[in-house]
């Protein structure tokens, strides 16, 4: 049997790689019958062949460059008050805030009251890989709380705290000053740091993400962004190289951003 895998691609992957949306977003478009291949609604499992014309809402979706040279990867210092959504009707959405000429979307999210480093990209395929990852990278936060930090608080935060029906994974927590500590997480539960602090009767007054993997916030001011360097992208791609649904492709464990 001839292997046509190099000449065909899953429809959701084709759309996500084009930069139109994430793979999950593509699935929703397909389910809503908003996608056509050669002017016909695709059957479940249909793959895109070379030369096929894919359209979303009647608009042609161009195939991405095979060397990814047309893809955007940026680091952004999200200010407080900006919402990590691509929904244009949401006031203060991250896309309008950045104003990038390319169609981009955030990888993961930061709460509206939080600030700091977040990645955005036009590469829907890498979004899918990173969000499905489990332990490939960590994220560091600088947290200011409402009262002096005790040794017990640091120990409890480090060991794990019961929130959202689970116990948070052990993590590295260090005191920086009387009201400020840093924490390195390898999981991304909803409002995790705020919930952990609340459980221990502390209130987060300020929360800033300062690092994702080897990428530092550095001297990016709130509202500023920069392109990720080739070296940074090499590290990210290496970290998510095994993030696949097929067991044979799995190299090592991975982590939510």
Protein backbone atom coordinates (compact mmCIF):
# COMPACT_ATOMS: atom_id res chain seq x y z
CA UNK A 1 0.00 0.00 0.00
CA UNK A 2 1.37 3.41 -0.99
CA UNK A 3 1.94 5.91 1.81
CA UNK A 4 0.30 9.20 0.89
CA UNK A 5 0.93 10.75 4.32
CA UNK A 6 3.46 13.21 2.92
CA UNK A 7 0.91 14.43 0.35
CA UNK A 8 -2.11 14.74 2.61
CA UNK A 9 -2.90 16.43 5.89
CA UNK A 10 -5.73 16.37 8.40
CA UNK A 11 -8.17 19.19 7.70
CA UNK A 12 -7.96 20.69 11.21
CA UNK A 13 -4.16 20.65 11.04
CA UNK A 14 -4.17 22.28 7.59
CA UNK A 15 -6.35 25.11 8.90
CA UNK A 16 -4.38 25.59 12.13
CA UNK A 17 -1.03 25.60 10.34
CA UNK A 18 -2.30 28.31 8.01
CA UNK A 19 -2.61 30.60 11.03
CA UNK A 20 -6.37 30.97 10.75
CA UNK A 21 -7.06 29.56 14.22
CA UNK A 22 -6.02 26.81 16.62
CA UNK A 23 -6.68 23.15 15.82
CA UNK A 24 -9.50 23.09 18.37
CA UNK A 25 -10.99 26.16 16.73
CA UNK A 26 -10.74 24.44 13.35
CA UNK A 27 -12.64 21.43 14.69
CA UNK A 28 -15.48 23.73 15.74
CA UNK A 29 -15.58 25.36 12.29
CA UNK A 30 -15.69 21.95 10.63
CA UNK A 31 -18.49 20.76 12.95
CA UNK A 32 -20.46 23.91 12.15
CA UNK A 33 -20.24 23.14 8.40
CA UNK A 34 -18.32 26.35 7.77
CA UNK A 35 -15.45 24.59 5.99
CA UNK A 36 -15.40 23.26 2.43
CA UNK A 37 -12.87 21.30 0.38
CA UNK A 38 -13.22 21.91 -3.34
CA UNK A 39 -16.62 23.56 -2.70
CA UNK A 40 -17.98 20.48 -0.89
CA UNK A 41 -18.61 19.86 2.80
CA UNK A 42 -15.96 17.40 4.00
CA UNK A 43 -16.89 14.05 5.48
CA UNK A 44 -15.52 13.15 8.90
CA UNK A 45 -11.83 12.23 8.59
CA UNK A 46 -11.37 13.78 5.14
CA UNK A 47 -7.76 14.80 4.54
CA UNK A 48 -6.49 17.68 2.43
CA UNK A 49 -4.56 16.62 -0.67
CA UNK A 50 -2.07 18.74 -2.60
CA UNK A 51 -4.07 21.03 -4.91
CA UNK A 52 -7.27 20.94 -2.84
CA UNK A 53 -8.98 24.28 -2.23
CA UNK A 54 -9.97 24.74 1.41
CA UNK A 55 -12.36 27.54 2.36
CA UNK A 56 -13.81 28.83 5.63
CA UNK A 57 -17.04 30.79 5.19
CA UNK A 58 -16.24 30.95 1.47
CA UNK A 59 -12.78 32.45 2.00
CA UNK A 60 -9.81 30.45 0.72
CA UNK A 61 -7.31 29.26 3.34
CA UNK A 62 -3.79 29.23 1.93
CA UNK A 63 -1.43 26.41 2.84
CA UNK A 64 1.41 27.37 5.19
CA UNK A 65 5.04 27.44 4.12
CA UNK A 66 6.60 24.05 4.83
CA UNK A 67 9.63 25.65 6.51
CA UNK A 68 7.36 27.71 8.85
CA UNK A 69 9.04 30.91 7.61
CA UNK A 70 5.64 32.61 7.39
CA UNK A 71 4.72 32.01 11.04
CA UNK A 72 4.77 34.58 13.83
CA UNK A 73 5.98 33.82 17.38
CA UNK A 74 6.06 36.69 19.85
CA UNK A 75 6.60 37.36 23.56
CA UNK A 76 4.25 39.97 25.04
CA UNK A 77 4.19 41.67 28.42
CA UNK A 78 0.45 41.61 29.08
CA UNK A 79 -0.67 44.60 31.15
CA UNK A 80 -3.23 44.31 33.95
CA UNK A 81 -6.76 44.65 32.55
CA UNK A 82 -6.13 43.00 29.19
CA UNK A 83 -8.18 39.85 28.54
CA UNK A 84 -6.55 36.84 26.86
CA UNK A 85 -9.21 36.28 24.22
CA UNK A 86 -9.37 36.58 20.44
CA UNK A 87 -13.05 37.60 20.64
CA UNK A 88 -13.08 41.06 19.06
CA UNK A 89 -16.28 42.12 20.85
CA UNK A 90 -14.57 41.81 24.26
CA UNK A 91 -13.32 45.21 25.32
CA UNK A 92 -9.59 45.19 26.11
CA UNK A 93 -8.94 41.92 24.27
CA UNK A 94 -5.29 40.91 23.78
CA UNK A 95 -5.44 41.01 19.97
CA UNK A 96 -6.58 44.64 19.80
CA UNK A 97 -4.08 45.55 22.55
CA UNK A 98 -1.14 44.25 20.51
CA UNK A 99 -2.39 45.42 17.13
CA UNK A 100 -0.21 42.99 15.15
CA UNK A 101 -0.78 42.99 11.39
CA UNK A 102 -0.82 39.17 11.27
CA UNK A 103 -3.63 36.99 12.58
CA UNK A 104 -2.27 35.73 15.93
CA UNK A 105 -3.67 34.11 19.06
CA UNK A 106 -2.36 33.58 22.61
CA UNK A 107 -0.85 30.31 23.83
CA UNK A 108 -2.57 29.69 27.13
CA UNK A 109 -3.75 32.63 29.17
CA UNK A 110 -3.09 35.04 32.02
CA UNK A 111 -5.98 36.25 34.17
CA UNK A 112 -7.25 39.78 33.49
CA UNK A 113 -5.91 41.10 36.86
CA UNK A 114 -2.49 39.47 36.23
CA UNK A 115 0.39 40.76 34.13
CA UNK A 116 3.55 39.53 32.51
CA UNK A 117 4.87 37.16 29.88
CA UNK A 118 2.63 35.36 27.40
CA UNK A 119 3.36 33.92 23.96
CA UNK A 120 1.26 34.63 20.88
CA UNK A 121 1.58 32.96 17.49
CA UNK A 122 0.06 32.47 14.06
CA UNK A 123 1.02 28.77 14.26
CA UNK A 124 -2.10 26.95 15.43
CA UNK A 125 -0.26 23.64 15.42
CA UNK A 126 2.25 24.64 18.12
CA UNK A 127 -0.60 25.98 20.27
CA UNK A 128 -2.13 22.52 20.21
CA UNK A 129 1.17 20.86 21.15
CA UNK A 130 2.03 23.22 23.99
CA UNK A 131 -1.43 23.18 25.56
CA UNK A 132 -1.38 19.38 25.51
CA UNK A 133 2.10 19.20 27.01
CA UNK A 134 2.77 17.77 30.50
CA UNK A 135 6.07 18.70 32.28
CA UNK A 136 8.20 19.92 29.35
CA UNK A 137 8.61 23.39 30.79
CA UNK A 138 7.99 25.58 33.78
CA UNK A 139 6.71 29.09 34.39
CA UNK A 140 7.92 31.54 37.04
CA UNK A 141 5.77 34.15 38.76
CA UNK A 142 6.46 37.06 41.10
CA UNK A 143 3.62 37.36 43.62
CA UNK A 144 2.78 40.12 46.10
CA UNK A 145 0.38 39.23 48.93
CA UNK A 146 -1.56 41.20 51.54
CA UNK A 147 0.34 40.24 54.70
CA UNK A 148 3.81 39.14 55.79
CA UNK A 149 4.89 35.78 54.40
CA UNK A 150 5.42 33.05 57.01
CA UNK A 151 7.68 30.02 56.83
CA UNK A 152 4.58 27.82 57.12
CA UNK A 153 3.06 29.53 54.07
CA UNK A 154 6.19 28.82 51.98
CA UNK A 155 6.26 25.18 53.11
CA UNK A 156 2.57 24.61 52.37
CA UNK A 157 2.74 26.30 48.95
CA UNK A 158 5.82 24.24 48.08
CA UNK A 159 4.34 20.90 49.17
CA UNK A 160 0.98 21.28 47.45
CA UNK A 161 -2.42 22.74 48.30
CA UNK A 162 -5.90 21.22 47.81
CA UNK A 163 -7.79 23.24 45.17
CA UNK A 164 -10.29 22.35 42.45
CA UNK A 165 -10.66 18.78 43.67
CA UNK A 166 -6.95 17.98 43.46
CA UNK A 167 -3.64 18.66 45.22
CA UNK A 168 -1.29 21.01 43.42
CA UNK A 169 2.03 19.53 42.38
CA UNK A 170 5.11 20.26 44.52
CA UNK A 171 6.78 23.46 43.32
CA UNK A 172 9.66 25.79 44.13
CA UNK A 173 8.64 28.79 46.27
CA UNK A 174 11.12 31.40 47.53
CA UNK A 175 10.69 34.51 49.67
CA UNK A 176 11.89 37.73 47.97
CA UNK A 177 10.79 40.25 50.61
CA UNK A 178 8.25 40.60 53.41
CA UNK A 179 5.23 40.52 51.09
CA UNK A 180 6.73 39.10 47.87
CA UNK A 181 7.61 35.57 46.82
CA UNK A 182 8.45 33.76 43.56
CA UNK A 183 6.87 30.49 42.52
CA UNK A 184 7.75 28.12 39.67
CA UNK A 185 4.80 26.09 38.42
CA UNK A 186 4.73 23.04 36.18
CA UNK A 187 0.95 22.98 35.84
CA UNK A 188 -1.67 25.50 34.84
CA UNK A 189 -4.85 25.08 36.86
CA UNK A 190 -7.45 27.81 36.64
CA UNK A 191 -6.37 30.81 38.78
CA UNK A 192 -3.97 28.40 40.48
CA UNK A 193 -1.74 30.79 42.44
CA UNK A 194 -4.64 32.94 43.62
CA UNK A 195 -6.57 29.85 44.76
CA UNK A 196 -3.50 28.41 46.53
CA UNK A 197 -2.98 31.64 48.42
CA UNK A 198 -6.69 31.95 49.29
CA UNK A 199 -6.64 28.44 50.77
CA UNK A 200 -3.84 29.55 53.11
CA UNK A 201 -5.73 32.78 53.99
CA UNK A 202 -3.57 35.11 51.89
CA UNK A 203 -4.81 37.46 49.18
CA UNK A 204 -2.82 38.11 46.00
CA UNK A 205 -2.35 41.83 45.45
CA UNK A 206 -0.12 41.58 42.38
CA UNK A 207 0.81 38.67 40.14
CA UNK A 208 3.36 38.84 37.33
CA UNK A 209 4.63 36.00 35.12
CA UNK A 210 8.35 36.62 34.64
CA UNK A 211 9.46 33.52 32.70
CA UNK A 212 8.17 30.71 30.47
CA UNK A 213 10.72 27.94 29.98
CA UNK A 214 13.99 29.71 29.08
CA UNK A 215 12.25 32.88 27.87
CA UNK A 216 12.51 35.75 30.36
CA UNK A 217 10.26 38.79 30.51
CA UNK A 218 13.47 40.83 30.69
CA UNK A 219 13.05 44.55 30.13
CA UNK A 220 9.85 44.30 28.10
CA UNK A 221 7.59 47.02 29.49
CA UNK A 222 3.84 46.35 29.98
CA UNK A 223 2.20 46.47 26.56
CA UNK A 224 5.45 45.83 24.66
CA UNK A 225 6.17 42.72 22.59
CA UNK A 226 9.07 41.24 20.65
CA UNK A 227 9.64 38.36 18.25
CA UNK A 228 10.99 35.19 19.85
CA UNK A 229 14.56 34.49 18.74
CA UNK A 230 15.50 31.44 16.69
CA UNK A 231 17.36 30.02 19.72
CA UNK A 232 14.24 30.44 21.88
CA UNK A 233 12.08 28.78 19.22
CA UNK A 234 14.53 25.89 18.92
CA UNK A 235 14.20 25.23 22.67
CA UNK A 236 10.40 25.47 22.58
CA UNK A 237 10.14 23.13 19.59
CA UNK A 238 12.49 20.66 21.26
CA UNK A 239 10.41 20.74 24.46
CA UNK A 240 7.15 19.95 22.64
CA UNK A 241 8.67 17.57 20.08
CA UNK A 242 6.97 14.57 21.68
CA UNK A 243 3.61 16.26 22.22
CA UNK A 244 1.46 14.08 20.01
CA UNK A 245 -1.65 11.96 20.31
CA UNK A 246 0.22 8.93 19.04
CA UNK A 247 2.22 7.01 21.64
CA UNK A 248 4.99 6.26 19.15
CA UNK A 249 5.71 9.97 18.79
CA UNK A 250 5.95 10.58 22.54
CA UNK A 251 9.48 11.46 23.63
CA UNK A 252 9.01 12.79 27.15
CA UNK A 253 6.34 14.27 29.36
CA UNK A 254 4.92 17.73 28.69
CA UNK A 255 3.22 20.57 30.43
CA UNK A 256 0.46 23.11 30.10
CA UNK A 257 1.66 26.64 29.59
